Amino acid sequence: MTAQLWPSISGSTLRVPWNKPLDNNVSDKSDEDMSHSKADFCLKVGLMWMEQQNVKFSAIQLILTRHHRDITAQKKLSVFKQKFITDYIKYDTK
């Protein structure tokens, strides 16, 4: 049955890439980086959901997610830390 229908399909439509007719810009990379505060919020919500579903996740998975949440919280706070003038100067250590 499929072999009988194959000649009726237009060959020109098969050569068009799938994202061209939709006119979508498809890429694996996002245009903007996610902020630390947004990542922290997402991990907090995800961790709360994981803890509610405690029968589906192991303790190791919960610990790793908590660790990732702690890292994002530290990075979020480091954005607000006052920088010294020497932080902007690169020294030649040679």
N, C-alpha and C. Protein backbone atom coordinates (compact mmCIF):
# COMPACT_ATOMS: atom_id res chain seq x y z
N MET A 1 0.83 -1.20 0.00
CA MET A 1 0.00 0.00 0.00
C MET A 1 0.87 1.26 0.00
N THR A 2 1.92 1.27 0.83
CA THR A 2 2.79 2.44 0.89
C THR A 2 3.53 2.62 -0.42
N ALA A 3 3.94 1.52 -1.03
CA ALA A 3 4.67 1.61 -2.30
C ALA A 3 3.78 2.17 -3.40
N GLN A 4 2.48 1.93 -3.34
CA GLN A 4 1.57 2.45 -4.35
C GLN A 4 1.36 3.96 -4.18
N LEU A 5 1.40 4.46 -2.96
CA LEU A 5 1.18 5.88 -2.72
C LEU A 5 2.45 6.71 -2.93
N TRP A 6 3.61 6.09 -2.90
CA TRP A 6 4.86 6.83 -2.98
C TRP A 6 5.00 7.68 -4.24
N PRO A 7 4.67 7.21 -5.43
CA PRO A 7 4.81 8.06 -6.61
C PRO A 7 3.90 9.28 -6.59
N SER A 8 2.81 9.25 -5.84
CA SER A 8 1.90 10.39 -5.82
C SER A 8 2.40 11.54 -4.94
N ILE A 9 3.40 11.27 -4.11
CA ILE A 9 3.94 12.32 -3.25
C ILE A 9 4.90 13.17 -4.06
N SER A 10 4.75 14.47 -3.95
CA SER A 10 5.61 15.38 -4.70
C SER A 10 7.03 15.31 -4.16
N GLY A 11 7.97 15.13 -5.04
CA GLY A 11 9.37 15.06 -4.63
C GLY A 11 9.92 16.39 -4.18
N SER A 12 9.32 17.49 -4.63
CA SER A 12 9.85 18.80 -4.25
C SER A 12 9.60 19.10 -2.77
N THR A 13 8.54 18.57 -2.20
CA THR A 13 8.28 18.85 -0.79
C THR A 13 9.23 18.08 0.11
N LEU A 14 9.77 16.98 -0.38
CA LEU A 14 10.69 16.20 0.45
C LEU A 14 12.06 16.84 0.54
N ARG A 15 12.41 17.69 -0.40
CA ARG A 15 13.72 18.32 -0.40
C ARG A 15 13.77 19.60 0.44
N VAL A 16 12.64 20.10 0.87
CA VAL A 16 12.59 21.32 1.67
C VAL A 16 12.89 20.96 3.12
N PRO A 17 13.83 21.66 3.76
CA PRO A 17 14.10 21.39 5.17
C PRO A 17 12.86 21.62 6.02
N TRP A 18 12.74 20.87 7.09
CA TRP A 18 11.52 20.92 7.90
C TRP A 18 11.34 22.26 8.59
N ASN A 19 12.41 23.01 8.88
CA ASN A 19 12.23 24.27 9.59
C ASN A 19 12.03 25.46 8.65
N LYS A 20 12.23 25.30 7.36
CA LYS A 20 12.04 26.41 6.43
C LYS A 20 10.56 26.75 6.21
N PRO A 21 9.66 25.76 5.99
CA PRO A 21 8.26 26.14 5.80
C PRO A 21 7.66 26.80 7.04
N LEU A 22 8.15 26.42 8.22
CA LEU A 22 7.62 27.01 9.44
C LEU A 22 8.26 28.35 9.75
N ASP A 23 9.38 28.64 9.07
CA ASP A 23 10.12 29.87 9.26
C ASP A 23 10.53 30.06 10.72
N ASN A 24 11.01 28.97 11.32
CA ASN A 24 11.47 29.00 12.70
C ASN A 24 12.99 29.02 12.73
N ASN A 25 13.52 29.72 13.69
CA ASN A 25 14.96 29.69 13.93
C ASN A 25 15.21 28.66 15.01
N VAL A 26 15.63 27.48 14.62
CA VAL A 26 15.82 26.39 15.56
C VAL A 26 17.31 26.22 15.81
N SER A 27 17.69 26.31 17.07
CA SER A 27 19.08 26.08 17.43
C SER A 27 19.13 25.53 18.85
N ASP A 28 20.22 24.88 19.18
CA ASP A 28 20.38 24.33 20.51
C ASP A 28 20.79 25.39 21.52
N LYS A 29 21.37 26.48 21.06
CA LYS A 29 21.84 27.52 21.96
C LYS A 29 20.80 28.62 22.08
N SER A 30 20.58 29.07 23.30
CA SER A 30 19.66 30.18 23.49
C SER A 30 20.38 31.49 23.21
N ASP A 31 19.62 32.53 22.95
CA ASP A 31 20.21 33.83 22.64
C ASP A 31 20.77 34.50 23.90
N GLU A 32 20.17 34.24 25.04
CA GLU A 32 20.59 34.88 26.28
C GLU A 32 20.93 33.81 27.31
N ASP A 33 21.87 34.14 28.19
CA ASP A 33 22.18 33.25 29.29
C ASP A 33 21.13 33.41 30.37
N MET A 34 20.92 32.34 31.12
CA MET A 34 19.96 32.40 32.22
C MET A 34 20.64 33.10 33.40
N SER A 35 19.92 33.97 34.06
CA SER A 35 20.48 34.67 35.21
C SER A 35 20.58 33.72 36.40
N HIS A 36 21.45 34.08 37.35
CA HIS A 36 21.63 33.24 38.53
C HIS A 36 20.36 33.21 39.37
N SER A 37 19.66 34.33 39.45
CA SER A 37 18.44 34.36 40.26
C SER A 37 17.34 33.51 39.63
N LYS A 38 17.27 33.51 38.31
CA LYS A 38 16.27 32.67 37.63
C LYS A 38 16.60 31.19 37.81
N ALA A 39 17.89 30.84 37.70
CA ALA A 39 18.30 29.45 37.91
C ALA A 39 18.05 29.02 39.34
N ASP A 40 18.30 29.92 40.29
CA ASP A 40 18.05 29.61 41.70
C ASP A 40 16.57 29.36 41.94
N PHE A 41 15.72 30.19 41.37
CA PHE A 41 14.28 30.01 41.53
C PHE A 41 13.82 28.68 40.92
N CYS A 42 14.31 28.37 39.72
CA CYS A 42 13.92 27.12 39.06
C CYS A 42 14.35 25.90 39.87
N LEU A 43 15.56 25.95 40.42
CA LEU A 43 16.03 24.82 41.22
C LEU A 43 15.26 24.69 42.53
N LYS A 44 14.87 25.82 43.13
CA LYS A 44 14.07 25.75 44.36
C LYS A 44 12.72 25.10 44.09
N VAL A 45 12.08 25.52 43.01
CA VAL A 45 10.77 24.95 42.67
C VAL A 45 10.92 23.47 42.30
N GLY A 46 11.95 23.15 41.53
CA GLY A 46 12.18 21.76 41.15
C GLY A 46 12.48 20.88 42.34
N LEU A 47 13.24 21.40 43.29
CA LEU A 47 13.56 20.62 44.49
C LEU A 47 12.32 20.40 45.34
N MET A 48 11.48 21.41 45.46
CA MET A 48 10.23 21.23 46.22
C MET A 48 9.37 20.16 45.57
N TRP A 49 9.30 20.16 44.25
CA TRP A 49 8.52 19.14 43.54
C TRP A 49 9.12 17.76 43.75
N MET A 50 10.46 17.68 43.67
CA MET A 50 11.13 16.38 43.86
C MET A 50 10.89 15.84 45.27
N GLU A 51 10.90 16.71 46.27
CA GLU A 51 10.68 16.26 47.64
C GLU A 51 9.25 15.79 47.85
N GLN A 52 8.30 16.37 47.13
CA GLN A 52 6.91 15.91 47.22
C GLN A 52 6.74 14.55 46.56
N GLN A 53 7.57 14.26 45.57
CA GLN A 53 7.52 12.99 44.85
C GLN A 53 8.57 12.04 45.41
N ASN A 54 8.73 11.98 46.72
CA ASN A 54 9.87 11.30 47.33
C ASN A 54 9.96 9.81 46.99
N VAL A 55 8.91 9.19 46.54
CA VAL A 55 9.00 7.77 46.20
C VAL A 55 9.66 7.57 44.85
N LYS A 56 9.74 8.60 44.04
CA LYS A 56 10.29 8.45 42.69
C LYS A 56 11.76 8.81 42.59
N PHE A 57 12.31 9.54 43.57
CA PHE A 57 13.68 10.01 43.50
C PHE A 57 14.48 9.45 44.67
N SER A 58 15.73 9.09 44.39
CA SER A 58 16.58 8.56 45.45
C SER A 58 17.15 9.71 46.28
N ALA A 59 17.72 9.36 47.41
CA ALA A 59 18.32 10.37 48.28
C ALA A 59 19.51 11.04 47.61
N ILE A 60 20.26 10.29 46.82
CA ILE A 60 21.42 10.86 46.12
C ILE A 60 20.98 11.92 45.12
N GLN A 61 19.90 11.67 44.40
CA GLN A 61 19.40 12.66 43.45
C GLN A 61 18.95 13.93 44.16
N LEU A 62 18.31 13.77 45.32
CA LEU A 62 17.88 14.95 46.08
C LEU A 62 19.09 15.73 46.61
N ILE A 63 20.11 15.01 47.08
CA ILE A 63 21.31 15.68 47.59
C ILE A 63 22.01 16.45 46.48
N LEU A 64 22.12 15.85 45.30
CA LEU A 64 22.77 16.54 44.18
C LEU A 64 21.99 17.77 43.75
N THR A 65 20.67 17.68 43.76
CA THR A 65 19.85 18.83 43.39
C THR A 65 19.99 19.93 44.43
N ARG A 66 20.05 19.56 45.72
CA ARG A 66 20.28 20.56 46.77
C ARG A 66 21.64 21.23 46.59
N HIS A 67 22.63 20.44 46.22
CA HIS A 67 23.97 20.98 46.00
C HIS A 67 23.97 21.99 44.85
N HIS A 68 23.28 21.65 43.76
CA HIS A 68 23.17 22.58 42.63
C HIS A 68 22.42 23.85 43.04
N ARG A 69 21.39 23.69 43.85
CA ARG A 69 20.65 24.86 44.33
C ARG A 69 21.53 25.75 45.18
N ASP A 70 22.37 25.14 46.04
CA ASP A 70 23.27 25.92 46.88
C ASP A 70 24.30 26.68 46.04
N ILE A 71 24.79 26.05 44.99
CA ILE A 71 25.76 26.71 44.11
C ILE A 71 25.13 27.92 43.43
N THR A 72 23.89 27.76 42.94
CA THR A 72 23.24 28.90 42.27
C THR A 72 22.94 30.01 43.27
N ALA A 73 22.62 29.65 44.51
CA ALA A 73 22.37 30.68 45.53
C ALA A 73 23.65 31.46 45.82
N GLN A 74 24.79 30.77 45.88
CA GLN A 74 26.06 31.45 46.11
C GLN A 74 26.40 32.37 44.94
N LYS A 75 26.17 31.90 43.73
CA LYS A 75 26.47 32.73 42.55
C LYS A 75 25.53 33.92 42.48
N LYS A 76 24.29 33.72 42.90
CA LYS A 76 23.34 34.83 42.90
C LYS A 76 23.79 35.91 43.88
N LEU A 77 24.29 35.50 45.04
CA LEU A 77 24.77 36.47 46.02
C LEU A 77 26.08 37.11 45.60
N SER A 78 26.91 36.40 44.85
CA SER A 78 28.19 36.96 44.43
C SER A 78 28.01 38.10 43.42
N VAL A 79 26.88 38.15 42.76
CA VAL A 79 26.61 39.24 41.83
C VAL A 79 26.48 40.56 42.58
N PHE A 80 25.92 40.50 43.79
CA PHE A 80 25.69 41.70 44.58
C PHE A 80 26.91 42.13 45.39
N LYS A 81 27.95 41.29 45.41
CA LYS A 81 29.15 41.59 46.18
C LYS A 81 29.90 42.76 45.54
N GLN A 82 30.33 43.69 46.37
CA GLN A 82 31.06 44.84 45.87
C GLN A 82 32.44 44.41 45.39
N LYS A 83 32.82 44.89 44.24
CA LYS A 83 34.12 44.53 43.67
C LYS A 83 35.13 45.63 43.96
N PHE A 84 36.38 45.20 44.09
CA PHE A 84 37.48 46.13 44.28
C PHE A 84 37.98 46.61 42.92
N ILE A 85 38.68 47.72 42.93
CA ILE A 85 39.25 48.24 41.69
C ILE A 85 40.28 47.26 41.13
N THR A 86 40.93 46.51 42.00
CA THR A 86 41.94 45.55 41.55
C THR A 86 41.31 44.35 40.86
N ASP A 87 40.03 44.14 41.04
CA ASP A 87 39.35 43.03 40.34
C ASP A 87 39.28 43.28 38.84
N TYR A 88 39.35 44.53 38.44
CA TYR A 88 39.23 44.87 37.03
C TYR A 88 40.59 44.98 36.33
N ILE A 89 41.67 44.95 37.12
CA ILE A 89 43.01 45.09 36.56
C ILE A 89 43.65 43.71 36.49
N LYS A 90 44.15 43.38 35.32
CA LYS A 90 44.85 42.10 35.17
C LYS A 90 46.34 42.35 35.31
N TYR A 91 46.94 41.63 36.23
CA TYR A 91 48.37 41.78 36.47
C TYR A 91 49.15 40.75 35.68
N ASP A 92 50.31 41.16 35.23
CA ASP A 92 51.22 40.25 34.54
C ASP A 92 52.11 39.62 35.60
N THR A 93 51.96 38.33 35.82
CA THR A 93 52.69 37.65 36.89
C THR A 93 54.02 37.09 36.43
N LYS A 94 54.43 37.37 35.20
CA LYS A 94 55.69 36.83 34.69
C LYS A 94 56.88 37.62 35.16
